[in-house]
Amino acid sequence: MTAVLRTATAADDPALAALWQRCFDAPHIAALHALDPDRHRHTFVAQNGPGGGIDAVVVYVPRLIRDAHGTPQRVGGIGSVATRPEARGQGLVRRLLVEAERTMRAEQCAWSLLFTGTPGVYRGAGWQEFGSTYTEGTLATRAAPGAFRVRAATAQDGAEVVALHHAYNANRALSSLRAPEDWAVRVPAWYGPVARSLVAEDPASGALVGWIVAQHAGEYVEVREFAGAPECLGELFAAVGEQGREAGLSRARVRIPDGPGVRAALPALLADPRSVEEHVGMARPLHATAESVRATVTAPGAVHWYGDCF
C-alpha cells in the first residue's frame, strides 16, 4: 500500500508517543516535542494508506544557533526520527526529509542540523557529516583540595547557572540560545535532576563561578557540559573523577571544547588523555551558503551541547 505523507495533527499524538516508545529508550521525547507550539506542522508522518497507522516520523525543531561569528541564526534541527520496524527499507524517512526541507526553507531556516549514528540515511538527502573531537582516558588518582568549594547543584542555583551558561557561550559557534522552557524541560530531560550536576563557588563571595554536568555512559563517566571560569575547572574535574570512582568506573570522556584552560585542567581527571575524532553531526545548507555552514561547524571551540539535543 502506498504511504500517505502529511503533517501531523493533535489526533496523532498518542500514535507518535507509541512509535517513539517502541523505537527509543527515551520517555522524554513526547515532552520535548510539546515544547514547540507549532509542533504539528513541523512533524511529518508517513501513514500506512488512508486510515492506516503511522509508519514513520520526522520532526523539524526550530532553534536559534550561533554561527561562526556568534550571531544567532534560525536553524532547523532534525530529531525524533523513527520508523516502525515492519516498514523499514521503503525510503520513508528520506521522503519525509524532503517535506521537512520544504518547510524549513519556507520558514527561513539558514541551515539544518542533526546528530546520528546512521549517516547514510541522511547523506543521500543532502546532509553532510562534520567532525568533532572528545578526550578520553583513565581516571587520575585523587586530587588535593583546591581553592574553590565544589558541591552538588540545587534548584536555588538555577539563575546563576543560566547566567554562567549564557556568558560562557555568548560568542560560541554552534551553541544554542536557551529559552526558559529549555531550562525547564529540555535540559533536565537530557541531564536529569539538577542535583546531578556540580557547581564551584568563589571562596570569598560565595558566587557560582563554574557548572559542570557529568553522566555515566557504559564504563565511562562522561563530562557533557561546562560553563564558567577556567580556573575552577580542575577542581570540578577532580570532583567528577571522585564520583566516577565511587561508581566503580575507571575511565572518563570529556566532551567540552579544547583550549588552554581545559588542557591545563585535564590532569585532574585523566591520567593519560587522548583525543578521539567522531562524525555524528550532519549539516545541510538551506538559505545559508555551504561555506558559512562549514565555517560554523568547524569553528574553533564550536560545540552543540548534549543538553540542547532535539
C-alpha atoms as a PDB file:
ATOM      1  CA  MET A   1       0.000   0.000   0.000  1.00  0.00           C
ATOM      2  CA  THR A   2       1.332   3.470  -0.912  1.00  0.00           C
ATOM      3  CA  ALA A   3       2.225   5.601   2.084  1.00  0.00           C
ATOM      4  CA  VAL A   4       0.444   8.909   2.583  1.00  0.00           C
ATOM      5  CA  LEU A   5       2.815  11.720   3.558  1.00  0.00           C
ATOM      6  CA  ARG A   6       1.356  14.561   5.606  1.00  0.00           C
ATOM      7  CA  THR A   7       1.901  16.791   8.592  1.00  0.00           C
ATOM      8  CA  ALA A   8       0.741  15.561  11.976  1.00  0.00           C
ATOM      9  CA  THR A   9      -2.372  16.606  13.865  1.00  0.00           C
ATOM     10  CA  ALA A  10      -3.195  16.597  17.557  1.00  0.00           C
ATOM     11  CA  ALA A  11      -5.069  13.339  16.980  1.00  0.00           C
ATOM     12  CA  ASP A  12      -1.732  11.703  16.070  1.00  0.00           C
ATOM     13  CA  ASP A  13      -0.132  12.411  19.447  1.00  0.00           C
ATOM     14  CA  PRO A  14      -0.912   9.005  21.026  1.00  0.00           C
ATOM     15  CA  ALA A  15       0.336   7.143  17.940  1.00  0.00           C
ATOM     16  CA  LEU A  16       3.522   9.215  17.823  1.00  0.00           C
ATOM     17  CA  ALA A  17       4.198   8.603  21.508  1.00  0.00           C
ATOM     18  CA  ALA A  18       3.690   4.865  20.980  1.00  0.00           C
ATOM     19  CA  LEU A  19       6.058   4.829  17.979  1.00  0.00           C
ATOM     20  CA  TRP A  20       8.766   6.704  19.873  1.00  0.00           C
ATOM     21  CA  GLN A  21       8.342   4.422  22.863  1.00  0.00           C
ATOM     22  CA  ARG A  22       8.775   1.402  20.608  1.00  0.00           C
ATOM     23  CA  CYS A  23      11.861   2.743  18.824  1.00  0.00           C
ATOM     24  CA  PHE A  24      13.709   4.609  21.599  1.00  0.00           C
ATOM     25  CA  ASP A  25      14.566   4.253  25.259  1.00  0.00           C
ATOM     26  CA  ALA A  26      13.755   7.932  25.754  1.00  0.00           C
ATOM     27  CA  PRO A  27      10.451   8.546  27.553  1.00  0.00           C
ATOM     28  CA  HIS A  28      11.015  12.310  27.470  1.00  0.00           C
ATOM     29  CA  ILE A  29      10.667  12.639  23.666  1.00  0.00           C
ATOM     30  CA  ALA A  30       6.973  13.499  23.847  1.00  0.00           C
ATOM     31  CA  ALA A  31       7.699  16.238  26.400  1.00  0.00           C
ATOM     32  CA  LEU A  32      10.408  17.710  24.156  1.00  0.00           C
ATOM     33  CA  HIS A  33       8.054  17.555  21.190  1.00  0.00           C
ATOM     34  CA  ALA A  34       5.481  19.553  23.154  1.00  0.00           C
ATOM     35  CA  LEU A  35       7.928  22.478  23.574  1.00  0.00           C
ATOM     36  CA  ASP A  36       7.240  23.675  20.012  1.00  0.00           C
ATOM     37  CA  PRO A  37       3.844  25.414  19.760  1.00  0.00           C
ATOM     38  CA  ASP A  38       3.918  24.709  16.008  1.00  0.00           C
ATOM     39  CA  ARG A  39       4.933  21.088  16.500  1.00  0.00           C
ATOM     40  CA  HIS A  40       2.178  19.528  14.407  1.00  0.00           C
ATOM     41  CA  ARG A  41       3.025  21.405  11.230  1.00  0.00           C
ATOM     42  CA  HIS A  42       6.713  20.709  11.981  1.00  0.00           C
ATOM     43  CA  THR A  43       6.056  16.962  12.312  1.00  0.00           C
ATOM     44  CA  PHE A  44       5.955  14.896   9.126  1.00  0.00           C
ATOM     45  CA  VAL A  45       4.460  11.430   9.121  1.00  0.00           C
ATOM     46  CA  ALA A  46       4.113   8.560   6.683  1.00  0.00           C
ATOM     47  CA  GLN A  47       0.709   6.972   7.115  1.00  0.00           C
ATOM     48  CA  ASN A  48       0.085   3.411   6.010  1.00  0.00           C
ATOM     49  CA  GLY A  49      -2.540   4.301   3.421  1.00  0.00           C
ATOM     50  CA  PRO A  50      -5.753   6.263   4.083  1.00  0.00           C
ATOM     51  CA  GLY A  51      -6.987   5.495   7.560  1.00  0.00           C
ATOM     52  CA  GLY A  52      -3.874   3.431   8.396  1.00  0.00           C
ATOM     53  CA  GLY A  53      -1.350   3.760  11.205  1.00  0.00           C
ATOM     54  CA  ILE A  54       1.819   5.842  11.278  1.00  0.00           C
ATOM     55  CA  ASP A  55       4.822   4.052   9.818  1.00  0.00           C
ATOM     56  CA  ALA A  56       7.454   6.789  10.121  1.00  0.00           C
ATOM     57  CA  VAL A  57       8.002  10.264  11.530  1.00  0.00           C
ATOM     58  CA  VAL A  58      10.495  13.119  11.106  1.00  0.00           C
ATOM     59  CA  VAL A  59      10.362  16.218  13.327  1.00  0.00           C
ATOM     60  CA  TYR A  60      11.801  19.613  12.470  1.00  0.00           C
ATOM     61  CA  VAL A  61      12.707  21.599  15.601  1.00  0.00           C
ATOM     62  CA  PRO A  62      13.358  25.335  15.031  1.00  0.00           C
ATOM     63  CA  ARG A  63      16.284  26.574  17.111  1.00  0.00           C
ATOM     64  CA  LEU A  64      18.405  29.704  17.376  1.00  0.00           C
ATOM     65  CA  ILE A  65      22.024  28.628  16.988  1.00  0.00           C
ATOM     66  CA  ARG A  66      25.076  30.883  16.861  1.00  0.00           C
ATOM     67  CA  ASP A  67      27.084  30.951  13.636  1.00  0.00           C
ATOM     68  CA  ALA A  68      30.855  31.224  13.234  1.00  0.00           C
ATOM     69  CA  HIS A  69      30.653  34.922  14.227  1.00  0.00           C
ATOM     70  CA  GLY A  70      28.466  34.258  17.278  1.00  0.00           C
ATOM     71  CA  THR A  71      25.341  35.629  15.562  1.00  0.00           C
ATOM     72  CA  PRO A  72      22.124  33.665  16.245  1.00  0.00           C
ATOM     73  CA  GLN A  73      20.600  32.090  13.139  1.00  0.00           C
ATOM     74  CA  ARG A  74      17.342  30.165  12.742  1.00  0.00           C
ATOM     75  CA  VAL A  75      18.337  26.530  12.249  1.00  0.00           C
ATOM     76  CA  GLY A  76      16.146  23.533  11.554  1.00  0.00           C
ATOM     77  CA  GLY A  77      17.054  20.720  13.925  1.00  0.00           C
ATOM     78  CA  ILE A  78      16.000  17.266  12.754  1.00  0.00           C
ATOM     79  CA  GLY A  79      15.115  14.840  15.525  1.00  0.00           C
ATOM     80  CA  SER A  80      12.763  12.160  16.853  1.00  0.00           C
ATOM     81  CA  VAL A  81      13.169  10.272  13.564  1.00  0.00           C
ATOM     82  CA  ALA A  82      11.569   6.847  13.827  1.00  0.00           C
ATOM     83  CA  THR A  83      10.243   4.115  11.539  1.00  0.00           C
ATOM     84  CA  ARG A  84       8.093   1.191  12.554  1.00  0.00           C
ATOM     85  CA  PRO A  85      10.365  -1.902  12.195  1.00  0.00           C
ATOM     86  CA  GLU A  86       7.976  -3.582   9.781  1.00  0.00           C
ATOM     87  CA  ALA A  87       8.038  -0.521   7.496  1.00  0.00           C
ATOM     88  CA  ARG A  88      11.799  -0.050   7.224  1.00  0.00           C
ATOM     89  CA  GLY A  89      13.629  -0.215   3.938  1.00  0.00           C
ATOM     90  CA  GLN A  90      10.950   1.690   1.987  1.00  0.00           C
ATOM     91  CA  GLY A  91      12.686   5.064   1.914  1.00  0.00           C
ATOM     92  CA  LEU A  92      10.014   6.689   4.071  1.00  0.00           C
ATOM     93  CA  VAL A  93      12.411   8.802   6.129  1.00  0.00           C
ATOM     94  CA  ARG A  94      14.124  10.142   3.019  1.00  0.00           C
ATOM     95  CA  ARG A  95      10.758  11.191   1.585  1.00  0.00           C
ATOM     96  CA  LEU A  96       9.777  12.834   4.852  1.00  0.00           C
ATOM     97  CA  LEU A  97      13.080  14.734   4.913  1.00  0.00           C
ATOM     98  CA  VAL A  98      12.103  16.320   1.583  1.00  0.00           C
ATOM     99  CA  GLU A  99       8.883  17.555   3.176  1.00  0.00           C
ATOM    100  CA  ALA A 100      10.782  18.860   6.210  1.00  0.00           C
ATOM    101  CA  GLU A 101      13.265  20.669   3.975  1.00  0.00           C
ATOM    102  CA  ARG A 102      10.460  22.493   2.159  1.00  0.00           C
ATOM    103  CA  THR A 103       9.004  23.753   5.420  1.00  0.00           C
ATOM    104  CA  MET A 104      12.394  24.752   6.843  1.00  0.00           C
ATOM    105  CA  ARG A 105      13.124  26.773   3.706  1.00  0.00           C
ATOM    106  CA  ALA A 106       9.690  28.398   3.809  1.00  0.00           C
ATOM    107  CA  GLU A 107      10.275  29.355   7.448  1.00  0.00           C
ATOM    108  CA  GLN A 108      13.636  30.925   6.593  1.00  0.00           C
ATOM    109  CA  CYS A 109      15.960  28.457   8.289  1.00  0.00           C
ATOM    110  CA  ALA A 110      19.545  29.264   7.360  1.00  0.00           C
ATOM    111  CA  TRP A 111      20.572  25.619   7.550  1.00  0.00           C
ATOM    112  CA  SER A 112      19.675  22.289   9.135  1.00  0.00           C
ATOM    113  CA  LEU A 113      21.431  20.267  11.819  1.00  0.00           C
ATOM    114  CA  LEU A 114      21.114  16.713  13.081  1.00  0.00           C
ATOM    115  CA  PHE A 115      23.088  14.107  15.005  1.00  0.00           C
ATOM    116  CA  THR A 116      23.020  10.438  14.103  1.00  0.00           C
ATOM    117  CA  GLY A 117      24.829   7.132  14.173  1.00  0.00           C
ATOM    118  CA  THR A 118      23.359   6.200  10.768  1.00  0.00           C
ATOM    119  CA  PRO A 119      24.581   8.933   8.395  1.00  0.00           C
ATOM    120  CA  GLY A 120      23.697   7.018   5.233  1.00  0.00           C
ATOM    121  CA  VAL A 121      20.006   7.694   5.790  1.00  0.00           C
ATOM    122  CA  TYR A 122      20.629  11.445   5.598  1.00  0.00           C
ATOM    123  CA  ARG A 123      23.625  11.721   3.275  1.00  0.00           C
ATOM    124  CA  GLY A 124      21.529  10.934   0.225  1.00  0.00           C
ATOM    125  CA  ALA A 125      19.066  13.675   1.221  1.00  0.00           C
ATOM    126  CA  GLY A 126      21.732  16.394   1.224  1.00  0.00           C
ATOM    127  CA  TRP A 127      23.090  16.398   4.772  1.00  0.00           C
ATOM    128  CA  GLN A 128      26.877  16.146   5.139  1.00  0.00           C
ATOM    129  CA  GLU A 129      28.907  14.933   8.106  1.00  0.00           C
ATOM    130  CA  PHE A 130      31.236  17.124  10.093  1.00  0.00           C
ATOM    131  CA  GLY A 131      33.805  16.023  12.621  1.00  0.00           C
ATOM    132  CA  SER A 132      34.121  16.753  16.314  1.00  0.00           C
ATOM    133  CA  THR A 133      36.557  15.596  18.970  1.00  0.00           C
ATOM    134  CA  TYR A 134      36.408  14.484  22.569  1.00  0.00           C
ATOM    135  CA  THR A 135      39.098  13.453  25.043  1.00  0.00           C
ATOM    136  CA  GLU A 136      39.170  10.179  26.925  1.00  0.00           C
ATOM    137  CA  GLY A 137      41.447   8.264  29.232  1.00  0.00           C
ATOM    138  CA  THR A 138      41.931   6.533  32.571  1.00  0.00           C
ATOM    139  CA  LEU A 139      40.720   8.317  35.673  1.00  0.00           C
ATOM    140  CA  ALA A 140      43.510  10.082  37.505  1.00  0.00           C
ATOM    141  CA  THR A 141      44.249   9.478  41.169  1.00  0.00           C
ATOM    142  CA  ARG A 142      42.549  11.653  43.752  1.00  0.00           C
ATOM    143  CA  ALA A 143      43.491  15.319  43.569  1.00  0.00           C
ATOM    144  CA  ALA A 144      44.317  17.530  46.540  1.00  0.00           C
ATOM    145  CA  PRO A 145      41.646  20.041  47.652  1.00  0.00           C
ATOM    146  CA  GLY A 146      41.811  23.404  45.928  1.00  0.00           C
ATOM    147  CA  ALA A 147      40.665  26.985  46.393  1.00  0.00           C
ATOM    148  CA  PHE A 148      37.081  26.553  45.236  1.00  0.00           C
ATOM    149  CA  ARG A 149      34.226  24.893  47.062  1.00  0.00           C
ATOM    150  CA  VAL A 150      32.643  22.238  44.842  1.00  0.00           C
ATOM    151  CA  ARG A 151      29.190  20.882  45.690  1.00  0.00           C
ATOM    152  CA  ALA A 152      26.066  19.425  44.111  1.00  0.00           C
ATOM    153  CA  ALA A 153      23.893  21.997  42.380  1.00  0.00           C
ATOM    154  CA  THR A 154      20.462  22.820  43.773  1.00  0.00           C
ATOM    155  CA  ALA A 155      17.302  24.337  42.320  1.00  0.00           C
ATOM    156  CA  GLN A 156      18.245  27.621  44.003  1.00  0.00           C
ATOM    157  CA  ASP A 157      21.343  27.833  41.777  1.00  0.00           C
ATOM    158  CA  GLY A 158      19.225  27.997  38.623  1.00  0.00           C
ATOM    159  CA  ALA A 159      19.522  31.705  37.838  1.00  0.00           C
ATOM    160  CA  GLU A 160      23.294  31.740  38.365  1.00  0.00           C
ATOM    161  CA  VAL A 161      23.753  28.619  36.235  1.00  0.00           C
ATOM    162  CA  VAL A 162      21.747  30.207  33.412  1.00  0.00           C
ATOM    163  CA  ALA A 163      23.922  33.322  33.622  1.00  0.00           C
ATOM    164  CA  LEU A 164      27.130  31.264  33.584  1.00  0.00           C
ATOM    165  CA  HIS A 165      25.912  29.326  30.548  1.00  0.00           C
ATOM    166  CA  HIS A 166      24.955  32.469  28.649  1.00  0.00           C
ATOM    167  CA  ALA A 167      28.247  34.238  29.354  1.00  0.00           C
ATOM    168  CA  TYR A 168      30.373  31.186  28.528  1.00  0.00           C
ATOM    169  CA  ASN A 169      28.624  30.641  25.179  1.00  0.00           C
ATOM    170  CA  ALA A 170      27.913  34.257  24.208  1.00  0.00           C
ATOM    171  CA  ASN A 171      30.075  34.025  21.074  1.00  0.00           C
ATOM    172  CA  ARG A 172      30.477  30.264  20.766  1.00  0.00           C
ATOM    173  CA  ALA A 173      29.755  28.835  17.321  1.00  0.00           C
ATOM    174  CA  LEU A 174      27.198  26.009  17.146  1.00  0.00           C
ATOM    175  CA  SER A 175      25.803  26.707  20.631  1.00  0.00           C
ATOM    176  CA  SER A 176      22.056  27.218  21.121  1.00  0.00           C
ATOM    177  CA  LEU A 177      20.310  30.158  22.727  1.00  0.00           C
ATOM    178  CA  ARG A 178      18.369  28.519  25.525  1.00  0.00           C
ATOM    179  CA  ALA A 179      14.928  29.852  26.331  1.00  0.00           C
ATOM    180  CA  PRO A 180      13.353  29.484  29.812  1.00  0.00           C
ATOM    181  CA  GLU A 181      11.347  26.491  28.585  1.00  0.00           C
ATOM    182  CA  ASP A 182      14.589  24.795  27.510  1.00  0.00           C
ATOM    183  CA  TRP A 183      15.957  25.130  31.036  1.00  0.00           C
ATOM    184  CA  ALA A 184      12.657  23.902  32.447  1.00  0.00           C
ATOM    185  CA  VAL A 185      12.173  20.888  30.145  1.00  0.00           C
ATOM    186  CA  ARG A 186      14.916  20.220  27.593  1.00  0.00           C
ATOM    187  CA  VAL A 187      17.976  20.458  29.838  1.00  0.00           C
ATOM    188  CA  PRO A 188      16.512  18.260  32.633  1.00  0.00           C
ATOM    189  CA  ALA A 189      15.309  15.756  30.014  1.00  0.00           C
ATOM    190  CA  TRP A 190      18.858  15.141  28.831  1.00  0.00           C
ATOM    191  CA  TYR A 191      20.801  15.780  32.047  1.00  0.00           C
ATOM    192  CA  GLY A 192      18.419  14.592  34.738  1.00  0.00           C
ATOM    193  CA  PRO A 193      17.762  16.352  38.079  1.00  0.00           C
ATOM    194  CA  VAL A 194      19.794  19.469  38.792  1.00  0.00           C
ATOM    195  CA  ALA A 195      21.408  17.772  41.797  1.00  0.00           C
ATOM    196  CA  ARG A 196      23.346  15.521  39.399  1.00  0.00           C
ATOM    197  CA  SER A 197      25.407  18.487  38.238  1.00  0.00           C
ATOM    198  CA  LEU A 198      28.150  20.199  40.213  1.00  0.00           C
ATOM    199  CA  VAL A 199      28.954  23.842  40.859  1.00  0.00           C
ATOM    200  CA  ALA A 200      32.055  25.647  42.077  1.00  0.00           C
ATOM    201  CA  GLU A 201      31.779  28.615  44.436  1.00  0.00           C
ATOM    202  CA  ASP A 202      34.129  31.559  44.784  1.00  0.00           C
ATOM    203  CA  PRO A 203      35.690  31.197  48.262  1.00  0.00           C
ATOM    204  CA  ALA A 204      35.390  34.913  49.045  1.00  0.00           C
ATOM    205  CA  SER A 205      31.952  35.890  47.732  1.00  0.00           C
ATOM    206  CA  GLY A 206      30.181  32.537  47.574  1.00  0.00           C
ATOM    207  CA  ALA A 207      29.081  33.317  43.996  1.00  0.00           C
ATOM    208  CA  LEU A 208      28.991  30.494  41.483  1.00  0.00           C
ATOM    209  CA  VAL A 209      31.973  30.535  39.125  1.00  0.00           C
ATOM    210  CA  GLY A 210      31.557  27.146  37.441  1.00  0.00           C
ATOM    211  CA  TRP A 211      28.997  24.492  36.495  1.00  0.00           C
ATOM    212  CA  ILE A 212      29.658  21.021  35.140  1.00  0.00           C
ATOM    213  CA  VAL A 213      27.455  18.131  34.041  1.00  0.00           C
ATOM    214  CA  ALA A 214      28.753  14.554  34.017  1.00  0.00           C
ATOM    215  CA  GLN A 215      26.831  11.339  33.414  1.00  0.00           C
ATOM    216  CA  HIS A 216      27.641   7.655  33.356  1.00  0.00           C
ATOM    217  CA  ALA A 217      27.819   6.140  29.863  1.00  0.00           C
ATOM    218  CA  GLY A 218      28.732   2.455  29.958  1.00  0.00           C
ATOM    219  CA  GLU A 219      32.166   2.105  31.521  1.00  0.00           C
ATOM    220  CA  TYR A 220      32.807   5.848  31.354  1.00  0.00           C
ATOM    221  CA  VAL A 221      31.952   8.888  33.400  1.00  0.00           C
ATOM    222  CA  GLU A 222      31.318  11.451  30.682  1.00  0.00           C
ATOM    223  CA  VAL A 223      31.609  15.223  31.051  1.00  0.00           C
ATOM    224  CA  ARG A 224      28.865  16.647  28.837  1.00  0.00           C
ATOM    225  CA  GLU A 225      28.831  20.351  29.600  1.00  0.00           C
ATOM    226  CA  PHE A 226      30.784  23.054  31.384  1.00  0.00           C
ATOM    227  CA  ALA A 227      30.318  26.790  31.855  1.00  0.00           C
ATOM    228  CA  GLY A 228      32.283  29.230  33.920  1.00  0.00           C
ATOM    229  CA  ALA A 229      35.808  30.331  34.762  1.00  0.00           C
ATOM    230  CA  PRO A 230      38.608  28.020  33.570  1.00  0.00           C
ATOM    231  CA  GLU A 231      40.355  28.439  36.940  1.00  0.00           C
ATOM    232  CA  CYS A 232      37.775  26.241  38.689  1.00  0.00           C
ATOM    233  CA  LEU A 233      37.661  23.532  36.038  1.00  0.00           C
ATOM    234  CA  GLY A 234      40.434  21.421  37.586  1.00  0.00           C
ATOM    235  CA  GLU A 235      38.546  21.112  40.862  1.00  0.00           C
ATOM    236  CA  LEU A 236      35.292  20.340  39.075  1.00  0.00           C
ATOM    237  CA  PHE A 237      37.115  17.666  37.060  1.00  0.00           C
ATOM    238  CA  ALA A 238      38.520  16.214  40.280  1.00  0.00           C
ATOM    239  CA  ALA A 239      35.027  16.004  41.778  1.00  0.00           C
ATOM    240  CA  VAL A 240      33.728  14.281  38.643  1.00  0.00           C
ATOM    241  CA  GLY A 241      36.555  11.771  38.894  1.00  0.00           C
ATOM    242  CA  GLU A 242      35.711  11.086  42.529  1.00  0.00           C
ATOM    243  CA  GLN A 243      32.093  10.406  41.575  1.00  0.00           C
ATOM    244  CA  GLY A 244      33.239   8.068  38.834  1.00  0.00           C
ATOM    245  CA  ARG A 245      35.490   6.078  41.165  1.00  0.00           C
ATOM    246  CA  GLU A 246      32.695   5.825  43.726  1.00  0.00           C
ATOM    247  CA  ALA A 247      30.504   4.329  40.980  1.00  0.00           C
ATOM    248  CA  GLY A 248      33.188   1.741  40.169  1.00  0.00           C
ATOM    249  CA  LEU A 249      34.282   3.371  36.909  1.00  0.00           C
ATOM    250  CA  SER A 250      37.873   3.707  35.797  1.00  0.00           C
ATOM    251  CA  ARG A 251      37.632   5.753  32.581  1.00  0.00           C
ATOM    252  CA  ALA A 252      36.274   9.143  31.551  1.00  0.00           C
ATOM    253  CA  ARG A 253      35.351  11.139  28.460  1.00  0.00           C
ATOM    254  CA  VAL A 254      35.362  14.921  28.196  1.00  0.00           C
ATOM    255  CA  ARG A 255      33.039  16.481  25.620  1.00  0.00           C
ATOM    256  CA  ILE A 256      33.831  20.160  26.065  1.00  0.00           C
ATOM    257  CA  PRO A 257      35.759  22.343  23.600  1.00  0.00           C
ATOM    258  CA  ASP A 258      39.510  22.101  23.724  1.00  0.00           C
ATOM    259  CA  GLY A 259      41.505  25.111  24.852  1.00  0.00           C
ATOM    260  CA  PRO A 260      44.377  26.106  27.141  1.00  0.00           C
ATOM    261  CA  GLY A 261      42.184  26.129  30.247  1.00  0.00           C
ATOM    262  CA  VAL A 262      40.767  22.705  29.504  1.00  0.00           C
ATOM    263  CA  ARG A 263      44.156  21.204  28.727  1.00  0.00           C
ATOM    264  CA  ALA A 264      45.618  22.624  31.940  1.00  0.00           C
ATOM    265  CA  ALA A 265      42.782  21.106  33.990  1.00  0.00           C
ATOM    266  CA  LEU A 266      42.649  17.667  32.341  1.00  0.00           C
ATOM    267  CA  PRO A 267      45.272  16.025  34.615  1.00  0.00           C
ATOM    268  CA  ALA A 268      42.809  16.422  37.493  1.00  0.00           C
ATOM    269  CA  LEU A 269      40.520  13.952  35.705  1.00  0.00           C
ATOM    270  CA  LEU A 270      42.562  11.924  33.213  1.00  0.00           C
ATOM    271  CA  ALA A 271      45.884  10.187  33.762  1.00  0.00           C
ATOM    272  CA  ASP A 272      46.502   9.547  30.056  1.00  0.00           C
ATOM    273  CA  PRO A 273      44.301  11.824  27.924  1.00  0.00           C
ATOM    274  CA  ARG A 274      43.970  11.128  24.211  1.00  0.00           C
ATOM    275  CA  SER A 275      41.889  12.876  21.577  1.00  0.00           C
ATOM    276  CA  VAL A 276      39.256  10.951  19.609  1.00  0.00           C
ATOM    277  CA  GLU A 277      37.510  12.186  16.467  1.00  0.00           C
ATOM    278  CA  GLU A 278      33.948  11.236  15.609  1.00  0.00           C
ATOM    279  CA  HIS A 279      31.496  12.104  12.836  1.00  0.00           C
ATOM    280  CA  VAL A 280      27.973  12.112  14.270  1.00  0.00           C
ATOM    281  CA  GLY A 281      26.956  15.658  13.345  1.00  0.00           C
ATOM    282  CA  MET A 282      25.441  16.422   9.940  1.00  0.00           C
ATOM    283  CA  ALA A 283      24.523  19.759   8.380  1.00  0.00           C
ATOM    284  CA  ARG A 284      22.628  20.883   5.288  1.00  0.00           C
ATOM    285  CA  PRO A 285      22.669  24.450   3.915  1.00  0.00           C
ATOM    286  CA  LEU A 286      19.243  25.949   3.181  1.00  0.00           C
ATOM    287  CA  HIS A 287      19.365  29.742   2.776  1.00  0.00           C
ATOM    288  CA  ALA A 288      22.937  29.997   4.061  1.00  0.00           C
ATOM    289  CA  THR A 289      25.915  29.209   1.875  1.00  0.00           C
ATOM    290  CA  ALA A 290      27.710  25.897   2.227  1.00  0.00           C
ATOM    291  CA  GLU A 291      30.866  27.813   3.137  1.00  0.00           C
ATOM    292  CA  SER A 292      29.220  29.660   6.040  1.00  0.00           C
ATOM    293  CA  VAL A 293      27.719  26.461   7.427  1.00  0.00           C
ATOM    294  CA  ARG A 294      31.053  24.671   7.196  1.00  0.00           C
ATOM    295  CA  ALA A 295      32.709  27.625   8.943  1.00  0.00           C
ATOM    296  CA  THR A 296      30.212  27.340  11.806  1.00  0.00           C
ATOM    297  CA  VAL A 297      30.510  23.609  12.433  1.00  0.00           C
ATOM    298  CA  THR A 298      34.317  23.663  12.182  1.00  0.00           C
ATOM    299  CA  ALA A 299      34.961  26.925  14.093  1.00  0.00           C
ATOM    300  CA  PRO A 300      37.452  26.752  16.985  1.00  0.00           C
ATOM    301  CA  GLY A 301      35.560  25.957  20.177  1.00  0.00           C
ATOM    302  CA  ALA A 302      32.354  25.108  18.332  1.00  0.00           C
ATOM    303  CA  VAL A 303      30.068  22.836  20.342  1.00  0.00           C
ATOM    304  CA  HIS A 304      26.433  21.817  20.385  1.00  0.00           C
ATOM    305  CA  TRP A 305      25.835  20.807  23.987  1.00  0.00           C
ATOM    306  CA  TYR A 306      24.133  17.486  24.686  1.00  0.00           C
ATOM    307  CA  GLY A 307      21.525  19.330  26.733  1.00  0.00           C
ATOM    308  CA  ASP A 308      20.298  21.051  23.559  1.00  0.00           C
ATOM    309  CA  CYS A 309      19.549  17.839  21.670  1.00  0.00           C
ATOM    310  CA  PHE A 310      16.382  17.738  19.624  1.00  0.00           C
END
